[in-house]
Protein backbone atom coordinates (compact mmCIF):
# COMPACT_ATOMS: atom_id res chain seq x y z
CA MET A 1 -0.01 -0.02 0.13
CA ALA A 2 1.24 3.35 -0.90
CA GLU A 3 2.04 6.16 1.77
CA LYS A 4 -0.58 8.59 2.60
CA LEU A 5 0.17 11.80 0.73
CA SER A 6 -1.14 15.38 0.86
CA PHE A 7 -2.30 17.06 -2.32
CA ILE A 8 -2.73 20.74 -3.28
CA SER A 9 -5.32 21.36 -5.93
CA LYS A 10 -5.56 23.93 -8.42
CA GLY A 11 -8.46 24.31 -11.02
CA THR A 12 -11.61 22.47 -11.24
CA GLY A 13 -13.23 19.85 -13.43
CA ASN A 14 -11.25 18.85 -16.50
CA SER A 15 -8.62 21.55 -15.57
CA LEU A 16 -7.90 20.19 -12.17
CA ILE A 17 -4.27 19.85 -11.41
CA ARG A 18 -3.06 18.33 -8.13
CA TYR A 19 0.57 18.67 -6.60
CA THR A 20 2.31 16.59 -4.01
CA GLU A 21 5.70 15.76 -2.75
CA ALA A 22 7.28 12.47 -1.78
CA SER A 23 10.76 11.53 -0.88
CA GLY A 24 11.99 14.84 -2.04
CA ILE A 25 10.23 14.58 -5.49
CA ARG A 26 7.52 16.97 -6.56
CA PHE A 27 4.68 15.38 -8.53
CA GLN A 28 2.05 17.08 -10.66
CA PHE A 29 -1.07 15.24 -11.77
CA LYS A 30 -3.44 16.25 -14.36
CA THR A 31 -6.37 14.71 -12.39
CA GLY A 32 -9.11 16.56 -14.41
CA HIS A 33 -7.87 15.02 -17.64
CA SER A 34 -7.24 11.49 -16.00
CA PHE A 35 -9.87 10.67 -13.37
CA TYR A 36 -12.72 13.17 -14.43
CA CYS A 37 -12.70 12.28 -18.21
CA PRO A 38 -13.64 8.95 -19.80
CA HIS A 39 -11.01 7.49 -22.01
CA ARG A 40 -11.48 5.27 -25.18
CA THR A 41 -9.50 1.93 -25.21
CA ASN A 42 -7.79 0.72 -28.40
CA ASP A 43 -10.76 -1.61 -28.90
CA GLY A 44 -13.21 1.21 -28.81
CA ARG A 45 -14.62 0.77 -25.33
CA ASN A 46 -14.91 3.80 -22.98
CA THR A 47 -13.68 3.62 -19.53
CA ASP A 48 -14.36 6.04 -16.60
CA LEU A 49 -12.53 5.82 -13.42
CA ARG A 50 -15.29 7.64 -11.57
CA ASN A 51 -17.24 4.26 -11.78
CA SER A 52 -14.33 2.24 -10.44
CA GLY A 53 -14.89 2.86 -6.69
CA LEU A 54 -11.42 4.21 -6.44
CA THR A 55 -10.49 7.73 -5.40
CA THR A 56 -8.06 9.98 -6.93
CA ASP A 57 -5.95 9.85 -3.64
CA GLU A 58 -5.54 6.06 -4.09
CA ILE A 59 -4.73 6.08 -7.63
CA GLU A 60 -2.26 8.91 -7.41
CA ALA A 61 -0.59 7.58 -4.33
CA GLU A 62 0.08 4.22 -6.03
CA ILE A 63 1.48 6.05 -9.18
CA VAL A 64 3.83 7.80 -6.83
CA ALA A 65 4.87 4.46 -5.13
CA ASP A 66 5.37 2.93 -8.58
CA ILE A 67 7.53 5.83 -9.99
CA HIS A 68 9.70 5.56 -6.86
CA LEU A 69 10.24 1.80 -7.35
CA PHE A 70 10.99 2.41 -10.94
CA LEU A 71 13.60 5.23 -10.21
CA ASP A 72 15.09 3.17 -7.16
CA SER A 73 15.56 0.33 -9.75
CA GLY A 74 17.74 2.54 -11.92
CA GLY A 75 15.00 3.69 -14.40
CA SER A 76 14.86 7.23 -15.58
CA LEU A 77 11.87 9.24 -17.08
CA PRO A 78 11.96 11.12 -20.43
CA MET A 79 12.61 14.86 -19.94
CA LEU A 80 10.46 17.42 -21.62
CA GLY A 81 12.53 19.47 -23.97
CA ARG A 82 14.25 19.59 -27.44
CA GLU A 83 14.93 15.85 -27.39
CA PHE A 84 11.47 14.75 -26.16
CA LEU A 85 9.70 12.12 -28.05
CA GLN A 86 7.14 10.53 -25.83
CA PRO A 87 6.21 10.10 -22.17
CA MET A 88 6.97 6.94 -20.21
CA GLN A 89 3.89 4.49 -19.95
CA ARG A 90 3.59 1.96 -17.11
CA GLU A 91 0.56 0.02 -15.82
CA ILE A 92 -0.30 -0.65 -11.95
CA TYR A 93 -2.98 -2.34 -10.06
CA VAL A 94 -4.94 -0.47 -7.65
CA LYS A 95 -7.39 -2.61 -5.71
CA ALA A 96 -7.57 -5.18 -8.61
CA HIS A 97 -8.14 -2.37 -11.19
CA ARG A 98 -5.50 -2.21 -13.98
CA ILE A 99 -4.55 1.52 -14.52
CA ALA A 100 -2.07 2.90 -17.16
CA TYR A 101 -0.28 6.21 -16.58
CA ARG A 102 1.97 8.30 -18.58
CA ALA A 103 4.82 10.44 -16.94
CA VAL A 104 7.76 12.68 -17.85
CA GLU A 105 10.26 14.68 -15.82
CA LEU A 106 10.00 18.31 -16.18
CA PRO A 107 13.16 20.62 -16.59
CA ASP A 108 12.94 21.66 -13.07
CA GLY A 109 13.07 17.99 -11.71
CA ALA A 110 9.33 17.53 -10.95
CA ILE A 111 7.42 14.59 -12.41
CA SER A 112 4.47 15.24 -14.40
CA VAL A 113 1.79 12.61 -14.75
CA GLY A 114 -0.32 13.94 -17.70
CA THR A 115 -2.90 11.22 -17.74
CA TYR A 116 -3.83 7.91 -16.18
CA PHE A 117 -6.80 5.71 -17.34
CA ALA A 118 -8.32 2.34 -16.54
CA MET A 119 -7.26 -0.68 -18.75
CA TRP A 120 -10.37 -2.86 -18.61
């Protein structure tokens, strides 16, 4: 289980962005685009995390924990800038729900999770 994090929110609805810090790393989540917007899977189905029974805190804390494990094992995230090609995408399970997320490192060292979505 991921650690309990405190979040600061800015914006509302589809424009909601949440910020937190864990183990000296700042994180930015585009929660409005992720949790509060349905997403279409490759096979054409719509998924909507609002119907999953999960909370934004649960999902985002598990993403933070997964990124820390990835970094601690020697991984590195793509950095936004001139050479940027695409974000890293990983999958996690949160209470038996398979969730994918995309993340990048910002030039100031913060990690931005631009989207996360259900994979059912």
